[in-house]
């Protein structure tokens, strides 16, 4: 046993590099990426178990795990409920391990670069799917590499790439777009400070420019209103953070024009529709998909989930129960209620959901507090990359108020790694602050 531990200990220093390689291949091969990330988490737990066990936030997730087990024990379909725990509990362990592994702003930057680079083949496949009718059914060694690319997208006319649905792909692109835009701003500021340099120093900025624009184009063609809203929100947040008032005004004017074309009274709407393409305003006001069944509307789903939560407020109906209950009531199959927090309230009860939200709020608040304490951050670039991760976290939160990213393994892993990165840096900076205080 000691030999095994020594082996893991000597390998721990390269664990972060393994995580980066895993993130690079993760979109294309979730299994290989997951095995590698799981291996890194195990090594980190063996190496830093005391540090991990002492963190109050991890105690909170441990208590949440107990509440989720209790909820599953009271579920009508206990098998489905206990299987549903695999969408949460392993990711709590991943979060705890990587929040101990990720400690520096340099690691945040490296992870963002890897995620942006890893998105390139996924976006290329998606654009080929939509514009060139690419189709593929590829299965190598069962699930090591398993792609299903439907020609024209899924649903038809909406780019989905190797993801199961356009909305899922849009959620992935929104997070990558936020991190890529943060890296672009960082490199742009560095070039402005350095002035004219040799051409190679411009290559990262050129690469990021092409990548961010391509990701944004792909995000548009997902035809996801949620993805559009998150991307616009991110642009406004960055513009406000940088103090670019003109850009804020331009983005606000464009958004207002689209909203007026979609929802204004007819005379005003017709004026703006001469400028705004129907692709945008007709999607926003559902003219593009008229006569949708009431049961497929989010308002109906949310009301049903809320009624379920009120019926079993303490333990819920059990994880993965919403779909069967909704089908029995509405006669329409539906995987989830398009709101993570209402879904958890209905399936696990209010105590578990409140604790989950409180832990997320703790992460966000401590991150914002650190961002405001500029003395801990070495330079502007570090502030910007940390702000990018906070923005990605907020984007993920907003996405889950109108959808559920929990059921896509890649998105779920990505979101927990972003949370872990924020917590790891916050904890390290707070440690440095306490050490400096005691020395003084």
Protein backbone atom coordinates (compact mmCIF):
# COMPACT_ATOMS: atom_id res chain seq x y z
CA UNK A 1 0.00 0.00 0.00
CA UNK A 2 2.86 2.37 0.82
CA UNK A 3 4.43 1.69 -2.57
CA UNK A 4 1.17 2.56 -4.29
CA UNK A 5 0.90 5.77 -2.30
CA UNK A 6 4.51 6.68 -3.11
CA UNK A 7 3.81 6.09 -6.78
CA UNK A 8 0.80 8.41 -6.68
CA UNK A 9 2.77 10.97 -4.68
CA UNK A 10 5.57 11.19 -7.24
CA UNK A 11 3.04 11.46 -10.02
CA UNK A 12 1.01 14.19 -8.34
CA UNK A 13 3.16 17.05 -9.60
CA UNK A 14 2.17 16.22 -13.18
CA UNK A 15 -1.51 15.73 -12.29
CA UNK A 16 -2.45 19.16 -13.54
CA UNK A 17 -0.93 18.41 -16.95
CA UNK A 18 -3.00 15.23 -17.13
CA UNK A 19 -6.12 17.25 -16.37
CA UNK A 20 -5.30 19.65 -19.18
CA UNK A 21 -4.87 16.81 -21.66
CA UNK A 22 -8.15 15.33 -20.47
CA UNK A 23 -9.95 18.63 -21.01
CA UNK A 24 -8.49 18.88 -24.51
CA UNK A 25 -9.93 15.55 -25.64
CA UNK A 26 -13.02 15.68 -23.41
CA UNK A 27 -15.49 17.13 -25.96
CA UNK A 28 -14.55 14.47 -28.53
CA UNK A 29 -14.16 11.51 -26.16
CA UNK A 30 -15.98 12.00 -22.85
CA UNK A 31 -14.98 8.53 -21.63
CA UNK A 32 -11.23 9.00 -22.03
CA UNK A 33 -11.46 12.49 -20.56
CA UNK A 34 -13.54 11.28 -17.62
CA UNK A 35 -11.20 8.40 -16.81
CA UNK A 36 -8.21 10.76 -16.82
CA UNK A 37 -9.94 13.40 -14.71
CA UNK A 38 -11.11 10.71 -12.30
CA UNK A 39 -7.55 9.40 -12.02
CA UNK A 40 -6.26 12.92 -11.30
CA UNK A 41 -8.97 13.40 -8.67
CA UNK A 42 -7.94 10.16 -6.97
CA UNK A 43 -4.29 11.17 -6.86
CA UNK A 44 -5.22 14.58 -5.47
CA UNK A 45 -7.40 13.03 -2.76
CA UNK A 46 -4.58 10.68 -1.74
CA UNK A 47 -2.08 13.53 -1.66
CA UNK A 48 -4.19 16.28 -0.06
CA UNK A 49 -6.92 14.48 1.85
CA UNK A 50 -6.31 16.48 5.03
CA UNK A 51 -6.56 19.80 3.22
CA UNK A 52 -9.70 18.69 1.38
CA UNK A 53 -11.37 17.37 4.53
CA UNK A 54 -10.74 20.61 6.45
CA UNK A 55 -12.56 22.92 4.04
CA UNK A 56 -16.03 23.97 5.27
CA UNK A 57 -17.40 24.13 1.73
CA UNK A 58 -16.64 20.44 1.27
CA UNK A 59 -18.46 19.73 4.53
CA UNK A 60 -21.47 21.45 3.01
CA UNK A 61 -21.38 19.21 -0.06
CA UNK A 62 -20.92 16.15 2.19
CA UNK A 63 -24.05 17.11 4.15
CA UNK A 64 -25.89 17.73 0.86
CA UNK A 65 -24.91 14.21 -0.23
CA UNK A 66 -26.52 12.81 2.93
CA UNK A 67 -29.74 14.74 2.23
CA UNK A 68 -29.77 13.43 -1.36
CA UNK A 69 -29.38 9.85 -0.11
CA UNK A 70 -32.29 10.38 2.28
CA UNK A 71 -34.39 11.80 -0.55
CA UNK A 72 -33.62 8.79 -2.74
CA UNK A 73 -34.62 6.49 0.10
CA UNK A 74 -38.11 8.06 0.19
CA UNK A 75 -38.58 8.08 -3.60
CA UNK A 76 -41.39 6.16 -5.26
CA UNK A 77 -38.94 4.76 -7.80
CA UNK A 78 -35.88 4.17 -5.63
CA UNK A 79 -33.82 2.58 -8.40
CA UNK A 80 -34.17 5.62 -10.66
CA UNK A 81 -33.53 7.98 -7.74
CA UNK A 82 -30.31 6.27 -6.68
CA UNK A 83 -29.13 6.16 -10.30
CA UNK A 84 -29.85 9.89 -10.47
CA UNK A 85 -27.32 10.46 -7.69
CA UNK A 86 -24.56 9.74 -10.24
CA UNK A 87 -25.34 13.09 -11.87
CA UNK A 88 -24.34 14.82 -8.61
CA UNK A 89 -22.25 12.88 -6.08
CA UNK A 90 -19.22 12.03 -8.28
CA UNK A 91 -19.04 15.68 -9.29
CA UNK A 92 -18.94 16.76 -5.65
CA UNK A 93 -15.81 14.61 -5.30
CA UNK A 94 -14.36 16.04 -8.52
CA UNK A 95 -15.05 19.55 -7.24
CA UNK A 96 -13.35 18.89 -3.90
CA UNK A 97 -10.25 17.37 -5.51
CA UNK A 98 -9.77 20.00 -8.21
CA UNK A 99 -10.39 22.90 -5.85
CA UNK A 100 -7.29 21.61 -4.03
CA UNK A 101 -5.40 21.05 -7.30
CA UNK A 102 -6.12 24.41 -8.95
CA UNK A 103 -4.42 27.17 -6.98
CA UNK A 104 -3.07 29.86 -9.30
CA UNK A 105 -4.21 32.32 -11.93
CA UNK A 106 -1.76 30.70 -14.36
CA UNK A 107 -3.77 27.48 -14.06
CA UNK A 108 -6.99 29.37 -14.78
CA UNK A 109 -5.39 30.76 -17.91
CA UNK A 110 -4.09 27.36 -19.02
CA UNK A 111 -7.49 25.74 -18.53
CA UNK A 112 -9.24 28.48 -20.50
CA UNK A 113 -6.78 28.09 -23.39
CA UNK A 114 -7.25 24.32 -23.45
CA UNK A 115 -11.05 24.63 -23.46
CA UNK A 116 -10.97 27.16 -26.29
CA UNK A 117 -8.58 25.05 -28.38
CA UNK A 118 -10.63 21.92 -27.70
CA UNK A 119 -13.77 23.61 -29.02
CA UNK A 120 -12.32 24.09 -32.54
CA UNK A 121 -12.95 20.59 -33.96
CA UNK A 122 -16.40 20.50 -32.32
CA UNK A 123 -17.39 23.79 -33.99
CA UNK A 124 -15.97 22.70 -37.36
CA UNK A 125 -18.02 19.48 -37.20
CA UNK A 126 -21.13 21.50 -36.34
CA UNK A 127 -20.72 23.98 -39.18
CA UNK A 128 -20.13 21.10 -41.60
CA UNK A 129 -23.24 19.40 -40.27
CA UNK A 130 -25.40 22.47 -40.87
CA UNK A 131 -24.03 23.86 -44.12
CA UNK A 132 -22.62 20.80 -45.89
CA UNK A 133 -24.94 18.09 -44.62
CA UNK A 134 -22.23 16.13 -42.84
CA UNK A 135 -23.55 12.99 -41.19
CA UNK A 136 -21.72 10.33 -39.26
CA UNK A 137 -22.38 7.40 -37.00
CA UNK A 138 -19.03 6.53 -35.43
CA UNK A 139 -18.56 4.04 -32.63
CA UNK A 140 -15.12 2.84 -31.58
CA UNK A 141 -14.70 0.40 -28.68
CA UNK A 142 -18.28 0.95 -27.51
CA UNK A 143 -18.19 4.45 -25.94
CA UNK A 144 -14.51 5.40 -26.17
CA UNK A 145 -15.42 7.38 -29.27
CA UNK A 146 -19.14 7.56 -30.01
CA UNK A 147 -20.37 10.29 -32.37
CA UNK A 148 -23.80 10.71 -33.89
CA UNK A 149 -23.90 13.62 -36.33
CA UNK A 150 -27.31 14.20 -37.90
CA UNK A 151 -27.28 16.05 -41.24
CA UNK A 152 -28.83 19.49 -40.87
CA UNK A 153 -28.60 19.47 -37.10
CA UNK A 154 -30.81 18.35 -34.25
CA UNK A 155 -33.55 19.57 -34.30
CA UNK A 156 -33.33 20.03 -38.09
CA UNK A 157 -31.96 23.44 -39.02
CA UNK A 158 -30.21 23.95 -35.68
CA UNK A 159 -26.52 23.14 -35.30
CA UNK A 160 -25.79 20.50 -32.65
CA UNK A 161 -22.40 19.05 -33.70
CA UNK A 162 -21.57 15.92 -31.67
CA UNK A 163 -23.92 16.96 -28.85
CA UNK A 164 -27.36 15.41 -28.59
CA UNK A 165 -29.31 18.66 -28.97
CA UNK A 166 -28.76 22.21 -30.21
CA UNK A 167 -29.57 23.68 -26.78
CA UNK A 168 -26.88 21.54 -25.16
CA UNK A 169 -24.35 22.64 -27.76
CA UNK A 170 -25.40 26.25 -27.22
CA UNK A 171 -24.75 25.96 -23.47
CA UNK A 172 -21.27 24.56 -24.19
CA UNK A 173 -20.52 27.31 -26.70
CA UNK A 174 -21.74 30.04 -24.34
CA UNK A 175 -19.26 29.00 -21.64
CA UNK A 176 -16.41 28.63 -24.14
CA UNK A 177 -17.29 32.00 -25.69
CA UNK A 178 -17.06 33.72 -22.29
CA UNK A 179 -13.65 32.24 -21.51
CA UNK A 180 -12.37 32.85 -25.05
CA UNK A 181 -13.48 36.47 -24.96
CA UNK A 182 -11.69 36.91 -21.63
CA UNK A 183 -8.46 35.55 -23.13
CA UNK A 184 -8.89 37.81 -26.18
CA UNK A 185 -9.24 40.91 -23.98
CA UNK A 186 -6.22 39.87 -21.96
CA UNK A 187 -4.03 39.46 -25.06
CA UNK A 188 -5.38 42.67 -26.58
CA UNK A 189 -4.42 44.62 -23.44
CA UNK A 190 -0.97 43.05 -23.39
CA UNK A 191 -0.30 44.15 -26.98
CA UNK A 192 -1.47 47.67 -26.23
CA UNK A 193 0.91 47.88 -23.27
CA UNK A 194 3.87 46.44 -25.17
CA UNK A 195 3.27 48.52 -28.30
CA UNK A 196 4.55 47.33 -31.66
CA UNK A 197 6.24 43.98 -31.44
CA UNK A 198 7.26 41.28 -33.87
CA UNK A 199 4.56 39.41 -35.75
CA UNK A 200 4.67 36.19 -33.66
CA UNK A 201 3.47 38.12 -30.61
CA UNK A 202 0.25 38.86 -32.50
CA UNK A 203 -0.47 35.20 -33.28
CA UNK A 204 -2.33 34.40 -30.02
CA UNK A 205 -4.60 37.41 -30.54
CA UNK A 206 -5.25 36.47 -34.18
CA UNK A 207 -6.00 32.89 -33.18
CA UNK A 208 -8.39 34.00 -30.44
CA UNK A 209 -10.08 36.49 -32.78
CA UNK A 210 -10.85 33.78 -35.32
CA UNK A 211 -11.89 31.30 -32.64
CA UNK A 212 -14.17 33.67 -30.72
CA UNK A 213 -15.88 34.84 -33.92
CA UNK A 214 -16.34 31.26 -35.13
CA UNK A 215 -17.77 30.17 -31.79
CA UNK A 216 -20.14 33.13 -31.83
CA UNK A 217 -21.31 32.26 -35.36
CA UNK A 218 -21.91 28.66 -34.31
CA UNK A 219 -23.79 29.91 -31.24
CA UNK A 220 -26.07 31.99 -33.47
CA UNK A 221 -26.90 28.96 -35.62
CA UNK A 222 -27.82 26.84 -32.62
CA UNK A 223 -30.93 29.02 -32.70
CA UNK A 224 -30.95 28.94 -28.92
CA UNK A 225 -32.49 31.97 -27.28
CA UNK A 226 -30.78 31.04 -24.03
CA UNK A 227 -27.37 30.90 -25.69
CA UNK A 228 -27.93 34.24 -27.42
CA UNK A 229 -28.95 35.88 -24.15
CA UNK A 230 -25.90 34.58 -22.27
CA UNK A 231 -23.53 35.73 -25.04
CA UNK A 232 -25.05 39.22 -25.08
CA UNK A 233 -24.96 39.35 -21.29
CA UNK A 234 -21.27 38.39 -21.36
CA UNK A 235 -20.45 41.10 -23.93
CA UNK A 236 -22.20 43.73 -21.83
CA UNK A 237 -20.48 42.52 -18.65
CA UNK A 238 -17.03 42.68 -20.25
CA UNK A 239 -17.76 46.10 -21.74
CA UNK A 240 -18.88 47.43 -18.36
CA UNK A 241 -15.88 45.88 -16.65
CA UNK A 242 -13.53 47.51 -19.16
CA UNK A 243 -15.40 50.84 -19.02
CA UNK A 244 -16.22 50.81 -22.75
CA UNK A 245 -19.37 52.91 -22.65
CA UNK A 246 -19.65 53.20 -26.44
CA UNK A 247 -19.67 49.42 -26.81
CA UNK A 248 -22.25 49.13 -24.04
CA UNK A 249 -24.47 51.58 -25.91
CA UNK A 250 -24.00 49.77 -29.22
CA UNK A 251 -24.87 46.37 -27.76
CA UNK A 252 -27.85 47.83 -25.89
CA UNK A 253 -29.10 49.46 -29.12
CA UNK A 254 -28.84 46.19 -31.06
CA UNK A 255 -30.59 44.21 -28.34
CA UNK A 256 -33.34 46.82 -28.07
CA UNK A 257 -33.89 46.73 -31.84
CA UNK A 258 -34.29 42.95 -31.81
CA UNK A 259 -36.65 43.05 -28.82
CA UNK A 260 -38.77 45.78 -30.39
CA UNK A 261 -38.95 43.83 -33.65
CA UNK A 262 -40.14 40.80 -31.71
CA UNK A 263 -42.49 42.21 -29.08
CA UNK A 264 -43.41 45.85 -29.83
CA UNK A 265 -46.87 46.88 -31.08
CA UNK A 266 -47.36 46.17 -34.78
CA UNK A 267 -46.47 49.60 -36.29
CA UNK A 268 -43.26 49.85 -34.26
CA UNK A 269 -42.40 46.18 -34.77
CA UNK A 270 -42.84 46.44 -38.54
CA UNK A 271 -40.42 49.37 -38.68
CA UNK A 272 -37.68 47.44 -36.86
CA UNK A 273 -38.38 44.25 -38.81
CA UNK A 274 -37.16 46.03 -41.91
CA UNK A 275 -33.71 46.02 -40.34
CA UNK A 276 -33.65 42.98 -38.03
CA UNK A 277 -33.65 39.60 -39.82
CA UNK A 278 -36.62 37.30 -39.06
CA UNK A 279 -34.12 34.68 -37.95
CA UNK A 280 -33.79 36.61 -34.67
CA UNK A 281 -37.13 38.24 -33.90
CA UNK A 282 -39.26 35.32 -35.09
CA UNK A 283 -37.30 32.97 -32.86
CA UNK A 284 -37.71 35.23 -29.84
CA UNK A 285 -41.48 35.59 -30.09
CA UNK A 286 -42.03 32.00 -31.30
CA UNK A 287 -43.39 33.03 -34.71
CA UNK A 288 -40.81 30.64 -36.13
CA UNK A 289 -42.47 27.73 -34.28
CA UNK A 290 -46.19 28.60 -34.02
CA UNK A 291 -48.86 26.46 -32.38
CA UNK A 292 -46.55 24.64 -30.02
CA UNK A 293 -48.39 22.40 -27.52
CA UNK A 294 -49.01 24.07 -24.19
CA UNK A 295 -47.29 21.15 -22.45
CA UNK A 296 -44.02 21.98 -24.20
CA UNK A 297 -43.98 25.57 -22.99
CA UNK A 298 -41.61 26.36 -20.14
CA UNK A 299 -44.27 28.12 -18.10
CA UNK A 300 -46.34 24.92 -18.01
CA UNK A 301 -43.35 22.82 -17.05
CA UNK A 302 -42.31 25.21 -14.29
CA UNK A 303 -45.81 25.34 -12.82
CA UNK A 304 -46.00 21.54 -12.77
CA UNK A 305 -42.56 21.22 -11.13
CA UNK A 306 -43.54 23.78 -8.50
CA UNK A 307 -46.75 21.90 -7.73
CA UNK A 308 -44.75 18.68 -7.29
CA UNK A 309 -42.38 20.45 -4.91
CA UNK A 310 -45.28 21.72 -2.82
CA UNK A 311 -46.77 18.23 -2.53
CA UNK A 312 -43.52 16.68 -1.20
CA UNK A 313 -41.58 19.65 0.17
CA UNK A 314 -39.13 17.79 2.42
CA UNK A 315 -37.77 14.88 0.38
CA UNK A 316 -39.25 15.44 -3.07
CA UNK A 317 -40.43 12.70 -5.43
CA UNK A 318 -36.96 11.30 -6.11
CA UNK A 319 -34.34 12.12 -8.71
CA UNK A 320 -35.32 11.32 -12.32
CA UNK A 321 -39.01 11.23 -11.36
CA UNK A 322 -40.15 14.38 -13.19
CA UNK A 323 -40.24 12.82 -16.66
CA UNK A 324 -42.58 9.98 -15.73
CA UNK A 325 -44.87 12.20 -13.66
CA UNK A 326 -45.11 14.81 -16.40
CA UNK A 327 -45.87 12.22 -19.08
CA UNK A 328 -48.59 10.69 -16.93
CA UNK A 329 -50.19 14.14 -16.46
CA UNK A 330 -49.65 15.75 -19.89
CA UNK A 331 -49.34 12.70 -22.17
CA UNK A 332 -46.16 14.18 -23.64
CA UNK A 333 -42.65 12.85 -22.93
CA UNK A 334 -40.29 15.45 -21.47
CA UNK A 335 -36.88 14.86 -19.93
CA UNK A 336 -36.78 17.76 -17.46
CA UNK A 337 -38.64 20.99 -16.55
CA UNK A 338 -36.04 23.36 -18.09
CA UNK A 339 -35.08 24.78 -14.71
CA UNK A 340 -32.48 23.03 -12.57
CA UNK A 341 -33.58 24.57 -9.30
CA UNK A 342 -37.28 23.81 -9.77
CA UNK A 343 -36.34 20.29 -10.82
CA UNK A 344 -34.27 19.76 -7.68
CA UNK A 345 -37.07 21.19 -5.54
CA UNK A 346 -39.54 18.75 -7.05
CA UNK A 347 -37.24 15.73 -7.01
CA UNK A 348 -35.15 16.20 -3.84
CA UNK A 349 -37.18 18.64 -1.71
CA UNK A 350 -36.64 22.19 -0.53
CA UNK A 351 -33.93 21.54 2.14
CA UNK A 352 -31.56 19.92 -0.39
CA UNK A 353 -32.24 22.59 -2.99
CA UNK A 354 -31.75 25.47 -0.54
CA UNK A 355 -28.47 23.99 0.66
CA UNK A 356 -27.30 23.50 -2.92
CA UNK A 357 -28.15 27.11 -3.79
CA UNK A 358 -26.49 28.35 -0.58
CA UNK A 359 -23.25 26.55 -1.49
CA UNK A 360 -23.32 28.08 -4.98
CA UNK A 361 -23.97 31.51 -3.48
CA UNK A 362 -21.02 31.02 -1.12
CA UNK A 363 -18.75 30.30 -4.08
CA UNK A 364 -19.95 33.35 -5.99
CA UNK A 365 -19.79 35.73 -3.02
CA UNK A 366 -16.27 34.70 -1.99
CA UNK A 367 -15.17 35.03 -5.63
CA UNK A 368 -16.59 38.54 -5.92
CA UNK A 369 -14.99 39.50 -2.60
CA UNK A 370 -11.61 38.34 -3.85
CA UNK A 371 -12.03 40.25 -7.10
CA UNK A 372 -12.67 43.43 -5.13
CA UNK A 373 -9.47 42.94 -3.09
CA UNK A 374 -7.09 43.95 -5.84
CA UNK A 375 -4.05 43.77 -3.58
CA UNK A 376 -4.16 39.98 -3.87
CA UNK A 377 -4.04 40.01 -7.65
CA UNK A 378 -0.66 40.67 -9.20
CA UNK A 379 -1.77 42.51 -12.32
CA UNK A 380 -4.70 43.43 -14.50
CA UNK A 381 -4.49 40.21 -16.50
CA UNK A 382 -5.04 38.12 -13.38
CA UNK A 383 -8.08 40.18 -12.46
CA UNK A 384 -9.47 39.73 -15.95
CA UNK A 385 -9.06 35.95 -16.13
CA UNK A 386 -10.62 35.55 -12.69
CA UNK A 387 -13.50 37.81 -13.74
CA UNK A 388 -13.95 35.56 -16.80
CA UNK A 389 -14.41 32.50 -14.60
CA UNK A 390 -16.89 34.31 -12.38
CA UNK A 391 -18.76 35.38 -15.51
CA UNK A 392 -18.76 31.79 -16.81
CA UNK A 393 -20.19 30.70 -13.45
CA UNK A 394 -22.95 33.30 -13.64
CA UNK A 395 -23.63 32.29 -17.25
CA UNK A 396 -23.96 28.65 -16.17
CA UNK A 397 -26.34 29.68 -13.37
CA UNK A 398 -28.52 31.70 -15.75
CA UNK A 399 -28.59 28.87 -18.28
CA UNK A 400 -29.89 26.54 -15.60
CA UNK A 401 -32.81 28.83 -14.80
CA UNK A 402 -34.20 28.14 -18.28
CA UNK A 403 -32.66 24.72 -18.99
CA UNK A 404 -30.85 21.85 -17.25
CA UNK A 405 -27.22 21.13 -18.12
CA UNK A 406 -26.93 18.39 -15.50
CA UNK A 407 -27.69 15.53 -17.86
CA UNK A 408 -24.92 16.20 -20.35
CA UNK A 409 -21.76 14.64 -18.93
CA UNK A 410 -19.42 17.09 -20.66
CA UNK A 411 -21.30 20.18 -19.56
CA UNK A 412 -21.71 18.89 -16.03
CA UNK A 413 -17.99 18.19 -15.70
CA UNK A 414 -17.05 21.55 -17.21
CA UNK A 415 -19.30 23.47 -14.83
CA UNK A 416 -17.91 21.74 -11.73
CA UNK A 417 -14.33 22.34 -12.89
CA UNK A 418 -15.08 26.05 -13.27
CA UNK A 419 -16.51 26.13 -9.73
CA UNK A 420 -13.48 24.22 -8.45
CA UNK A 421 -11.11 26.66 -10.18
CA UNK A 422 -12.79 29.65 -8.52
CA UNK A 423 -12.73 28.02 -5.09
CA UNK A 424 -9.14 26.85 -5.40
CA UNK A 425 -7.83 30.33 -6.22
CA UNK A 426 -9.97 31.99 -3.54
CA UNK A 427 -8.75 29.56 -0.88
CA UNK A 428 -5.10 30.04 -1.87
CA UNK A 429 -5.38 33.85 -1.78
CA UNK A 430 -7.15 33.79 1.57
CA UNK A 431 -4.37 31.58 2.95
CA UNK A 432 -1.76 34.05 1.73
CA UNK A 433 -3.68 36.89 3.35
CA UNK A 434 -3.84 35.13 6.71
CA UNK A 435 -0.15 34.28 6.52
CA UNK A 436 0.78 37.90 5.74
CA UNK A 437 -1.43 39.10 8.62
CA UNK A 438 0.26 36.80 11.13
CA UNK A 439 3.72 37.78 9.91
CA UNK A 440 2.91 41.45 10.40
